[in-house]
Amino acid sequence: MITEENTKEENLENKKKDVQKEFKGFFKSIKSFISDLLNIAEETDKELTITKIKAGIPVKSHNAWVLIFSIIIASIGLNVSSTAVVIGAMLISPLMGPILGLGLSIGVNDIDTLRRSLINLGVMIAISVTTSFLFFSIPLFQDETPEIIARTAPDVRDVLIALAGGLALIIALSRRSEMTNTIAGIAIATALMPPLCTAGFGLATWNLDYFFGALFLFTINAIFIALATFMVVKFLRFPMVKYIQQAKRKRIAQVAGFIATLIIGFSILEFYKLFQKNQYYSHAENFIEELQDKTGAGIINTQIDYDTRTIKIVILGSNINNTQKVVWSNKMKEFNIPNSSLIIQQDDKASLLQDEINTIKNSYVKNQSLIATKDEIIQRKDAMLIEKDRLLQQLYKKQIPFIQLSKEAKIMCRGLQKLSYSNKIETNFNTIDTLVVFEAKWNDSISTNDAKKQLKEWLKIRLKNPDLELVSN
């Protein structure tokens, strides 16, 4: 008995071990699959990637002209609010090169590439802003379009797009076979050119808020693209640039590390600021919507200022009394917008004005209804006139010019002594017809048979009525 129980326990223990081995194998398979799926190091060509990035840094000859013409195309697209034109300009723009060079040079401690990237990026910015400034200096092209206004301030989503786009771009470039479609899509998503064009527009129209806002948006995008490049270069362990002097190498590494730390710190700080700003605007909009629903106030305009923490609303119609103002000012904390001021602009006579507007509106509706009714009556009368005219024409056609006809008949038929006509109505009890009947009286010396036949045929042709009758006495 003891031996059998020991055997059973050993079998059970062996089964547990087998199950554990199977689970371990299963988890190892999943881990291996995920590792193969997300591993970017295997397909990476580091030397080729460095060569391609460095080749895209310089701004000269062809690249300079391509940049100028792409800026002109983008400026036209912004001016006419054509997204398709702006996208076309972004596809041919060489702006991405120096920004990738910045991230790469910091990642591999290449001070020469860092210097070249900064110089060429500055040249590109100067060319872009100057070109767009000259374009928008023409008065014909100085309208503020939605496409321009959309590029005057950064948003937290712009930061996320720039970071994700930069990561996708450097990963696509690091492959042995370049992913052209991916690179083209990233050039559109990161949207570096429109902010520079908007900065030129701000200078041309002396709108410094637009100028600095657009430059700030470009700076945010450029920094996060460079940061993404730096992160991937470090992750893939690109080879560091070696210097003969160890002290120089150490100093350059310290400078590069300091710059990278500044970029990362600035990026995190700006991301946090933009996130806070977006949250404030979102909560303020929810607050305004709730206020309008609960009070029934006719809000016709709103202004939200994050810097001064003020929410200004303009009301037309139902006013908000002082008690309600206090209540809603205190409620701002509940909507996560504390330390903010609520400014309400309204007129005490607004309700009277709204009543007058409603009166005018009702009067206009009544007048339009009367006009529509009159038009309908006129149309009915026109239809009646047309019908009467048609009946009159038919009547004219049925009338016989008897005087003229009798003179002509007298000349044709010399034995004709008397001629008369009448309309005879007859029925077969199914239909009713009206017949034209002529009555002719002849001299006794005239044979009336031939004359009657001749007169009847002539009357039929003359009156275009084959059904008329002729009676002779």
Protein backbone atom coordinates (compact mmCIF):
# COMPACT_ATOMS: atom_id res chain seq x y z
CA MET A 1 0.00 0.00 0.00
CA ILE A 2 2.75 2.40 0.92
CA THR A 3 4.59 1.61 -2.30
CA GLU A 4 1.47 2.28 -4.42
CA GLU A 5 0.85 5.60 -2.69
CA ASN A 6 4.47 6.64 -3.24
CA THR A 7 4.16 5.71 -6.89
CA LYS A 8 0.99 7.81 -7.27
CA GLU A 9 2.65 10.80 -5.60
CA GLU A 10 5.67 10.48 -7.87
CA ASN A 11 3.41 10.34 -10.97
CA LEU A 12 1.46 13.39 -9.79
CA GLU A 13 4.72 15.28 -9.15
CA ASN A 14 6.02 14.34 -12.58
CA LYS A 15 2.80 15.62 -14.20
CA LYS A 16 3.11 18.92 -12.34
CA LYS A 17 6.65 19.30 -13.60
CA ASP A 18 5.53 18.53 -17.16
CA VAL A 19 2.78 21.16 -16.92
CA GLN A 20 5.25 23.72 -15.58
CA LYS A 21 7.63 22.96 -18.44
CA GLU A 22 4.80 23.41 -20.96
CA PHE A 23 3.85 26.79 -19.44
CA LYS A 24 7.45 27.91 -19.46
CA GLY A 25 7.77 26.88 -23.09
CA PHE A 26 4.54 28.72 -23.96
CA PHE A 27 5.68 31.95 -22.30
CA LYS A 28 9.09 31.64 -23.95
CA SER A 29 7.38 31.28 -27.33
CA ILE A 30 5.27 34.41 -26.73
CA LYS A 31 8.34 36.31 -25.53
CA SER A 32 10.30 35.20 -28.59
CA PHE A 33 7.42 36.18 -30.92
CA ILE A 34 7.07 39.66 -29.38
CA SER A 35 10.84 40.13 -29.45
CA ASP A 36 10.99 39.22 -33.15
CA LEU A 37 7.96 41.41 -33.86
CA LEU A 38 9.30 44.57 -32.20
CA ASN A 39 13.03 44.09 -32.69
CA ILE A 40 14.43 46.91 -34.88
CA ALA A 41 18.10 46.22 -34.27
CA GLU A 42 18.30 43.23 -36.60
CA GLU A 43 17.27 45.13 -39.75
CA THR A 44 19.24 48.28 -38.89
CA ASP A 45 22.20 49.45 -40.96
CA LYS A 46 23.90 51.95 -38.68
CA GLU A 47 26.64 53.12 -41.03
CA LEU A 48 24.21 53.62 -43.92
CA THR A 49 21.78 55.50 -41.63
CA ILE A 50 24.52 57.90 -40.50
CA THR A 51 25.56 58.44 -44.11
CA LYS A 52 21.97 59.19 -45.24
CA ILE A 53 21.33 61.62 -42.38
CA LYS A 54 24.59 63.48 -42.95
CA ALA A 55 23.86 63.69 -46.68
CA GLY A 56 20.55 65.45 -45.97
CA ILE A 57 22.02 68.14 -43.71
CA PRO A 58 23.59 70.65 -46.17
CA VAL A 59 21.53 73.46 -47.67
CA LYS A 60 23.04 74.47 -50.95
CA SER A 61 22.39 74.60 -54.68
CA HIS A 62 19.52 72.23 -55.45
CA ASN A 63 18.32 71.86 -51.86
CA ALA A 64 18.14 75.64 -51.40
CA TRP A 65 16.02 76.13 -54.52
CA VAL A 66 13.77 73.19 -53.65
CA LEU A 67 13.25 74.75 -50.21
CA ILE A 68 12.41 78.17 -51.70
CA PHE A 69 9.87 76.78 -54.14
CA SER A 70 8.31 74.48 -51.55
CA ILE A 71 7.90 77.48 -49.22
CA ILE A 72 6.15 79.41 -52.01
CA ILE A 73 3.82 76.46 -52.67
CA ALA A 74 3.05 76.10 -48.96
CA SER A 75 2.39 79.86 -48.63
CA ILE A 76 -0.06 79.72 -51.53
CA GLY A 77 -1.76 76.71 -49.94
CA LEU A 78 -2.13 78.56 -46.64
CA ASN A 79 -3.42 81.66 -48.42
CA VAL A 80 -6.18 79.77 -50.23
CA SER A 81 -6.79 77.34 -47.32
CA SER A 82 -5.96 74.36 -49.52
CA THR A 83 -4.78 71.40 -47.46
CA ALA A 84 -3.82 69.48 -50.60
CA VAL A 85 -1.43 72.22 -51.76
CA VAL A 86 0.18 72.46 -48.30
CA ILE A 87 0.67 68.67 -48.23
CA GLY A 88 2.29 68.79 -51.67
CA ALA A 89 4.75 71.42 -50.44
CA MET A 90 5.64 69.39 -47.33
CA LEU A 91 6.43 66.32 -49.46
CA ILE A 92 9.25 68.09 -51.33
CA SER A 93 10.62 70.13 -48.43
CA PRO A 94 14.22 69.30 -47.28
CA LEU A 95 13.69 70.79 -43.79
CA MET A 96 13.93 67.46 -41.97
CA GLY A 97 17.64 66.89 -42.72
CA PRO A 98 19.34 69.29 -40.25
CA ILE A 99 16.89 68.34 -37.47
CA LEU A 100 17.77 64.66 -37.82
CA GLY A 101 21.42 65.71 -37.89
CA LEU A 102 20.98 67.43 -34.50
CA GLY A 103 19.59 64.31 -32.87
CA LEU A 104 22.21 62.07 -34.46
CA SER A 105 25.18 64.30 -33.57
CA ILE A 106 24.17 64.55 -29.91
CA GLY A 107 23.58 60.81 -29.77
CA VAL A 108 27.03 59.88 -31.14
CA ASN A 109 28.99 62.85 -29.69
CA ASP A 110 29.79 64.24 -33.16
CA ILE A 111 30.55 67.90 -32.55
CA ASP A 112 31.29 68.63 -36.22
CA THR A 113 27.92 67.25 -37.36
CA LEU A 114 26.22 69.17 -34.56
CA ARG A 115 27.82 72.41 -35.75
CA ARG A 116 26.88 71.72 -39.38
CA SER A 117 23.32 70.83 -38.41
CA LEU A 118 22.83 74.01 -36.38
CA ILE A 119 24.25 76.22 -39.14
CA ASN A 120 22.18 74.60 -41.89
CA LEU A 121 19.03 74.62 -39.78
CA GLY A 122 19.51 78.34 -39.16
CA VAL A 123 20.02 78.93 -42.88
CA MET A 124 16.90 76.93 -43.72
CA ILE A 125 14.81 78.87 -41.22
CA ALA A 126 16.13 82.18 -42.56
CA ILE A 127 15.41 81.20 -46.19
CA SER A 128 11.94 79.92 -45.32
CA VAL A 129 10.85 82.94 -43.26
CA THR A 130 12.33 85.39 -45.80
CA THR A 131 10.60 83.68 -48.74
CA SER A 132 7.22 83.58 -47.00
CA PHE A 133 7.69 87.18 -45.80
CA LEU A 134 8.24 88.37 -49.40
CA PHE A 135 5.22 86.39 -50.59
CA PHE A 136 2.86 87.69 -47.90
CA SER A 137 4.17 91.25 -48.30
CA ILE A 138 1.99 91.44 -51.39
CA PRO A 139 -1.32 93.00 -50.16
CA LEU A 140 -3.34 90.56 -52.26
CA PHE A 141 -2.14 87.62 -50.10
CA GLN A 142 -2.58 89.06 -46.59
CA ASP A 143 -5.94 87.49 -45.66
CA GLU A 144 -6.04 85.52 -42.41
CA THR A 145 -7.25 82.09 -43.46
CA PRO A 146 -8.15 79.14 -41.18
CA GLU A 147 -5.01 77.30 -42.32
CA ILE A 148 -2.82 80.21 -41.16
CA ILE A 149 -4.61 80.69 -37.84
CA ALA A 150 -4.27 76.96 -37.08
CA ARG A 151 -0.46 77.33 -37.11
CA THR A 152 -0.18 80.24 -34.67
CA ALA A 153 0.09 78.28 -31.41
CA PRO A 154 1.29 74.80 -30.42
CA ASP A 155 -0.98 72.16 -28.99
CA VAL A 156 -0.19 69.14 -26.86
CA ARG A 157 -1.20 66.97 -29.81
CA ASP A 158 1.46 68.68 -31.94
CA VAL A 159 4.06 67.49 -29.41
CA LEU A 160 2.80 63.92 -29.57
CA ILE A 161 2.74 64.00 -33.38
CA ALA A 162 6.29 65.38 -33.55
CA LEU A 163 7.61 62.77 -31.09
CA ALA A 164 5.83 59.83 -32.75
CA GLY A 165 6.71 61.13 -36.21
CA GLY A 166 10.37 61.55 -35.28
CA LEU A 167 10.54 58.00 -33.88
CA ALA A 168 8.88 56.57 -36.99
CA LEU A 169 11.18 58.59 -39.25
CA ILE A 170 14.50 57.54 -37.70
CA ILE A 171 13.34 53.90 -37.53
CA ALA A 172 12.33 54.03 -41.21
CA LEU A 173 15.68 55.59 -42.16
CA SER A 174 17.66 53.04 -40.19
CA ARG A 175 16.41 50.11 -42.24
CA ARG A 176 18.60 48.62 -44.93
CA SER A 177 15.76 49.12 -47.43
CA GLU A 178 14.39 52.62 -47.01
CA MET A 179 10.64 52.96 -46.36
CA THR A 180 9.86 55.80 -48.78
CA ASN A 181 6.10 55.86 -48.15
CA THR A 182 6.63 56.06 -44.40
CA ILE A 183 9.09 58.94 -44.75
CA ALA A 184 6.66 60.84 -47.00
CA GLY A 185 3.82 60.34 -44.53
CA ILE A 186 5.98 61.54 -41.64
CA ALA A 187 6.93 64.68 -43.58
CA ILE A 188 3.21 65.49 -43.77
CA ALA A 189 2.40 64.58 -40.16
CA THR A 190 5.19 66.57 -38.50
CA ALA A 191 4.25 69.71 -40.50
CA LEU A 192 7.44 71.76 -40.21
CA MET A 193 6.86 74.08 -43.16
CA PRO A 194 3.46 75.68 -42.42
CA PRO A 195 4.63 77.24 -39.11
CA LEU A 196 7.58 78.89 -40.87
CA CYS A 197 5.24 80.22 -43.57
CA THR A 198 2.93 81.54 -40.84
CA ALA A 199 5.90 83.23 -39.16
CA GLY A 200 6.61 85.01 -42.46
CA PHE A 201 2.96 86.02 -42.63
CA GLY A 202 3.18 87.45 -39.10
CA LEU A 203 6.20 89.55 -40.07
CA ALA A 204 4.59 90.74 -43.32
CA THR A 205 1.42 91.84 -41.52
CA TRP A 206 3.24 93.06 -38.36
CA ASN A 207 1.35 90.54 -36.26
CA LEU A 208 4.07 89.56 -33.78
CA ASP A 209 1.75 87.19 -31.89
CA TYR A 210 1.43 85.10 -35.05
CA PHE A 211 5.19 85.36 -35.70
CA PHE A 212 6.34 84.18 -32.28
CA GLY A 213 3.52 81.64 -31.92
CA ALA A 214 4.36 80.01 -35.27
CA LEU A 215 8.11 79.98 -34.48
CA PHE A 216 7.35 78.39 -31.12
CA LEU A 217 5.29 75.69 -32.86
CA PHE A 218 8.18 75.02 -35.28
CA THR A 219 10.66 74.90 -32.38
CA ILE A 220 8.52 72.40 -30.47
CA ASN A 221 8.21 70.15 -33.53
CA ALA A 222 11.93 70.37 -34.32
CA ILE A 223 13.01 69.65 -30.72
CA PHE A 224 10.82 66.59 -30.37
CA ILE A 225 11.89 65.21 -33.76
CA ALA A 226 15.53 65.66 -32.72
CA LEU A 227 14.76 64.11 -29.32
CA ALA A 228 13.17 61.08 -31.00
CA THR A 229 16.24 60.68 -33.21
CA PHE A 230 18.51 60.92 -30.16
CA MET A 231 16.49 58.26 -28.30
CA VAL A 232 16.58 55.75 -31.18
CA VAL A 233 20.30 56.36 -31.82
CA LYS A 234 21.04 55.66 -28.16
CA PHE A 235 18.72 52.64 -28.07
CA LEU A 236 20.33 51.07 -31.15
CA ARG A 237 23.82 51.93 -29.79
CA PHE A 238 25.11 53.73 -32.83
CA PRO A 239 28.93 53.88 -32.82
CA MET A 240 30.31 56.89 -30.95
CA VAL A 241 32.69 59.25 -32.74
CA LYS A 242 36.23 58.65 -31.53
CA TYR A 243 38.71 61.45 -30.95
CA ILE A 244 42.48 61.15 -30.68
CA GLN A 245 42.62 63.19 -27.51
CA GLN A 246 40.83 61.48 -24.64
CA ALA A 247 40.27 64.79 -22.84
CA LYS A 248 38.61 66.27 -25.92
CA ARG A 249 36.38 63.23 -26.29
CA LYS A 250 35.35 63.48 -22.67
CA ARG A 251 34.64 67.20 -22.96
CA ILE A 252 32.56 66.71 -26.12
CA ALA A 253 30.63 63.90 -24.45
CA GLN A 254 29.91 66.16 -21.51
CA VAL A 255 28.73 68.97 -23.82
CA ALA A 256 26.56 66.59 -25.82
CA GLY A 257 25.12 65.10 -22.65
CA PHE A 258 24.41 68.57 -21.27
CA ILE A 259 22.66 69.62 -24.49
CA ALA A 260 20.66 66.39 -24.53
CA THR A 261 19.65 66.92 -20.91
CA LEU A 262 18.55 70.49 -21.70
CA ILE A 263 16.53 69.31 -24.68
CA ILE A 264 14.86 66.54 -22.71
CA GLY A 265 14.15 68.84 -19.75
CA PHE A 266 12.79 71.60 -21.98
CA SER A 267 10.69 69.09 -23.91
CA ILE A 268 9.17 67.64 -20.74
CA LEU A 269 8.50 71.12 -19.35
CA GLU A 270 6.86 72.38 -22.56
CA PHE A 271 4.83 69.22 -22.89
CA TYR A 272 3.56 69.69 -19.35
CA LYS A 273 2.72 73.35 -19.99
CA LEU A 274 0.85 72.56 -23.18
CA PHE A 275 -0.98 69.73 -21.49
CA GLN A 276 -2.05 72.04 -18.65
CA LYS A 277 -3.20 74.65 -21.17
CA ASN A 278 -5.25 72.13 -23.14
CA GLN A 279 -6.82 70.84 -19.94
CA TYR A 280 -7.74 74.39 -18.89
CA TYR A 281 -9.45 75.14 -22.22
CA SER A 282 -11.31 71.81 -22.14
CA HIS A 283 -12.59 72.38 -18.58
CA ALA A 284 -13.52 75.99 -19.35
CA GLU A 285 -15.58 74.91 -22.37
CA ASN A 286 -17.39 72.33 -20.24
CA PHE A 287 -18.07 75.02 -17.64
CA ILE A 288 -19.54 77.42 -20.22
CA GLU A 289 -21.72 74.68 -21.72
CA GLU A 290 -23.05 73.74 -18.28
CA LEU A 291 -23.73 77.39 -17.41
CA GLN A 292 -25.70 77.89 -20.62
CA ASP A 293 -27.75 74.71 -20.10
CA LYS A 294 -28.64 75.47 -16.48
CA THR A 295 -29.37 79.21 -16.76
CA GLY A 296 -30.78 79.35 -20.30
CA ALA A 297 -28.49 82.31 -21.02
CA GLY A 298 -28.10 83.25 -24.66
CA ILE A 299 -24.30 83.18 -24.93
CA ILE A 300 -23.25 84.71 -28.24
CA ASN A 301 -19.50 84.95 -27.66
CA THR A 302 -16.86 83.44 -25.36
CA GLN A 303 -13.21 84.29 -24.68
CA ILE A 304 -10.92 82.02 -22.65
CA ASP A 305 -7.53 83.44 -21.62
CA TYR A 306 -5.21 80.89 -20.04
CA ASP A 307 -2.47 83.40 -19.17
CA THR A 308 -4.75 85.70 -17.15
CA ARG A 309 -7.08 82.87 -16.04
CA THR A 310 -10.21 84.69 -17.18
CA ILE A 311 -13.38 83.43 -18.82
CA LYS A 312 -15.41 86.11 -20.55
CA ILE A 313 -18.90 85.49 -21.92
CA VAL A 314 -21.23 87.84 -23.77
CA ILE A 315 -24.95 87.26 -23.22
CA LEU A 316 -27.91 88.39 -25.30
CA GLY A 317 -31.44 87.69 -24.11
CA SER A 318 -32.03 86.09 -20.70
CA ASN A 319 -29.77 87.81 -18.18
CA ILE A 320 -27.83 86.25 -15.29
CA ASN A 321 -28.51 88.00 -11.97
CA ASN A 322 -25.91 88.76 -9.30
CA THR A 323 -26.83 85.73 -7.22
CA GLN A 324 -26.28 83.43 -10.16
CA LYS A 325 -22.96 85.12 -10.91
CA VAL A 326 -21.70 84.33 -7.41
CA VAL A 327 -22.94 80.74 -7.59
CA TRP A 328 -21.27 80.04 -10.92
CA SER A 329 -18.05 81.80 -9.91
CA ASN A 330 -17.84 79.45 -6.94
CA LYS A 331 -18.59 76.46 -9.16
CA MET A 332 -15.45 77.04 -11.23
CA LYS A 333 -13.45 74.98 -8.73
CA GLU A 334 -15.71 72.01 -9.41
CA PHE A 335 -14.74 72.17 -13.09
CA ASN A 336 -11.00 72.16 -12.28
CA ILE A 337 -10.52 75.82 -13.25
CA PRO A 338 -9.69 77.40 -9.86
CA ASN A 339 -8.20 80.88 -9.40
CA SER A 340 -10.06 82.08 -12.48
CA SER A 341 -12.28 85.09 -13.02
CA LEU A 342 -15.73 84.95 -14.61
CA ILE A 343 -16.61 88.07 -16.57
CA ILE A 344 -20.17 88.37 -17.84
CA GLN A 345 -21.15 91.09 -20.29
CA GLN A 346 -24.87 91.68 -20.61
CA ASP A 347 -27.28 94.57 -21.09
CA ASP A 348 -30.24 95.19 -18.78
CA LYS A 349 -32.28 96.12 -21.84
CA ALA A 350 -31.24 93.00 -23.66
CA SER A 351 -34.57 91.28 -22.98
CA LEU A 352 -36.48 94.21 -24.48
CA LEU A 353 -34.17 94.14 -27.46
CA GLN A 354 -34.78 90.42 -27.86
CA ASP A 355 -38.56 91.01 -27.73
CA GLU A 356 -38.25 93.62 -30.46
CA ILE A 357 -36.17 91.22 -32.51
CA ASN A 358 -38.81 88.50 -32.07
CA THR A 359 -41.56 90.97 -33.04
CA ILE A 360 -39.70 91.94 -36.18
CA LYS A 361 -39.08 88.30 -36.92
CA ASN A 362 -42.77 87.40 -36.52
CA SER A 363 -43.78 90.35 -38.67
CA TYR A 364 -41.36 89.24 -41.35
CA VAL A 365 -42.77 85.70 -41.27
CA LYS A 366 -46.34 87.01 -41.61
CA ASN A 367 -45.36 89.28 -44.50
CA GLN A 368 -43.68 86.37 -46.24
CA SER A 369 -46.83 84.30 -45.75
CA LEU A 370 -49.01 87.09 -47.20
CA ILE A 371 -46.65 87.46 -50.15
CA ALA A 372 -46.80 83.73 -50.77
CA THR A 373 -50.64 83.82 -50.61
CA LYS A 374 -50.78 86.76 -53.04
CA ASP A 375 -48.46 84.96 -55.40
CA GLU A 376 -50.74 81.93 -55.30
CA ILE A 377 -53.83 84.08 -56.03
CA ILE A 378 -52.03 85.80 -58.91
CA GLN A 379 -51.05 82.43 -60.35
CA ARG A 380 -54.67 81.22 -60.17
CA LYS A 381 -55.93 84.39 -61.88
CA ASP A 382 -53.27 84.05 -64.57
CA ALA A 383 -54.41 80.47 -65.18
CA MET A 384 -58.04 81.65 -65.44
CA LEU A 385 -57.09 84.39 -67.91
CA ILE A 386 -55.20 81.89 -70.02
CA GLU A 387 -58.20 79.54 -70.04
CA LYS A 388 -60.59 82.38 -70.98
CA ASP A 389 -58.29 83.48 -73.76
CA ARG A 390 -58.24 79.92 -75.06
CA LEU A 391 -62.05 79.76 -75.04
CA LEU A 392 -62.22 83.13 -76.72
CA GLN A 393 -59.91 81.99 -79.47
CA GLN A 394 -62.07 78.95 -80.00
CA LEU A 395 -65.11 81.19 -80.16
CA TYR A 396 -63.43 83.41 -82.72
CA LYS A 397 -62.65 80.37 -84.81
CA LYS A 398 -66.30 79.28 -84.72
CA GLN A 399 -67.62 82.69 -85.70
CA ILE A 400 -68.51 83.07 -89.38
CA PRO A 401 -67.85 86.34 -91.26
CA PHE A 402 -71.36 86.24 -92.68
CA ILE A 403 -71.43 89.68 -94.35
CA GLN A 404 -68.22 89.07 -96.27
CA LEU A 405 -69.29 85.52 -97.02
CA SER A 406 -72.64 86.59 -98.40
CA LYS A 407 -71.03 89.12 -100.75
CA GLU A 408 -68.67 86.49 -102.08
CA ALA A 409 -71.53 83.99 -102.48
CA LYS A 410 -73.61 86.55 -104.43
CA ILE A 411 -70.76 87.04 -106.89
CA MET A 412 -70.20 83.29 -107.31
CA CYS A 413 -73.83 82.29 -107.59
CA ARG A 414 -75.75 84.93 -109.56
CA GLY A 415 -79.06 83.11 -109.13
CA LEU A 416 -78.79 83.28 -105.37
CA GLN A 417 -81.59 85.41 -104.04
CA LYS A 418 -81.23 84.96 -100.28
CA LEU A 419 -78.70 83.38 -97.89
CA SER A 420 -78.93 82.76 -94.16
CA TYR A 421 -77.22 80.55 -91.59
CA SER A 422 -77.77 79.20 -88.10
CA ASN A 423 -76.29 76.75 -85.60
CA LYS A 424 -78.26 73.57 -85.18
CA ILE A 425 -77.86 71.49 -82.04
CA GLU A 426 -78.62 67.79 -82.35
CA THR A 427 -78.17 64.71 -80.23
CA ASN A 428 -78.28 60.96 -80.63
CA PHE A 429 -78.82 60.72 -76.87
CA ASN A 430 -75.15 59.81 -76.41
CA THR A 431 -73.42 62.96 -77.64
CA ILE A 432 -74.43 66.50 -78.54
CA ASP A 433 -73.10 68.18 -81.70
CA THR A 434 -73.41 71.69 -83.05
CA LEU A 435 -73.81 71.92 -86.83
CA VAL A 436 -73.60 74.95 -89.09
CA VAL A 437 -76.63 75.09 -91.40
CA PHE A 438 -76.95 77.47 -94.38
CA GLU A 439 -80.27 78.17 -96.06
CA ALA A 440 -80.23 79.43 -99.67
CA LYS A 441 -83.12 80.78 -101.74
CA TRP A 442 -82.75 80.86 -105.55
CA ASN A 443 -84.47 82.56 -108.47
CA ASP A 444 -87.07 80.38 -110.12
CA SER A 445 -85.23 80.52 -113.44
CA ILE A 446 -82.10 78.96 -112.01
CA SER A 447 -81.59 75.23 -111.77
CA THR A 448 -80.77 74.88 -108.12
CA ASN A 449 -79.19 71.40 -108.17
CA ASP A 450 -75.86 72.39 -109.72
CA ALA A 451 -75.88 75.75 -108.00
CA LYS A 452 -76.58 74.14 -104.62
CA LYS A 453 -73.80 71.64 -105.10
CA GLN A 454 -71.37 74.33 -106.16
CA LEU A 455 -72.34 76.62 -103.26
CA LYS A 456 -72.07 73.81 -100.70
CA GLU A 457 -68.62 72.77 -101.87
CA TRP A 458 -67.45 76.36 -101.87
CA LEU A 459 -68.78 76.97 -98.33
CA LYS A 460 -67.00 73.84 -97.04
CA ILE A 461 -63.68 75.01 -98.48
CA ARG A 462 -64.18 78.64 -97.57
CA LEU A 463 -65.10 77.88 -93.92
CA LYS A 464 -62.88 74.80 -93.61
CA ASN A 465 -65.86 72.89 -92.25
CA PRO A 466 -66.68 69.66 -94.10
CA ASP A 467 -69.69 68.99 -91.87
CA LEU A 468 -71.81 72.04 -92.66
CA GLU A 469 -75.24 71.59 -94.26
CA LEU A 470 -76.95 73.56 -97.02
CA VAL A 471 -80.71 73.74 -97.34
CA SER A 472 -82.24 75.25 -100.50
CA ASN A 473 -85.79 76.51 -101.00
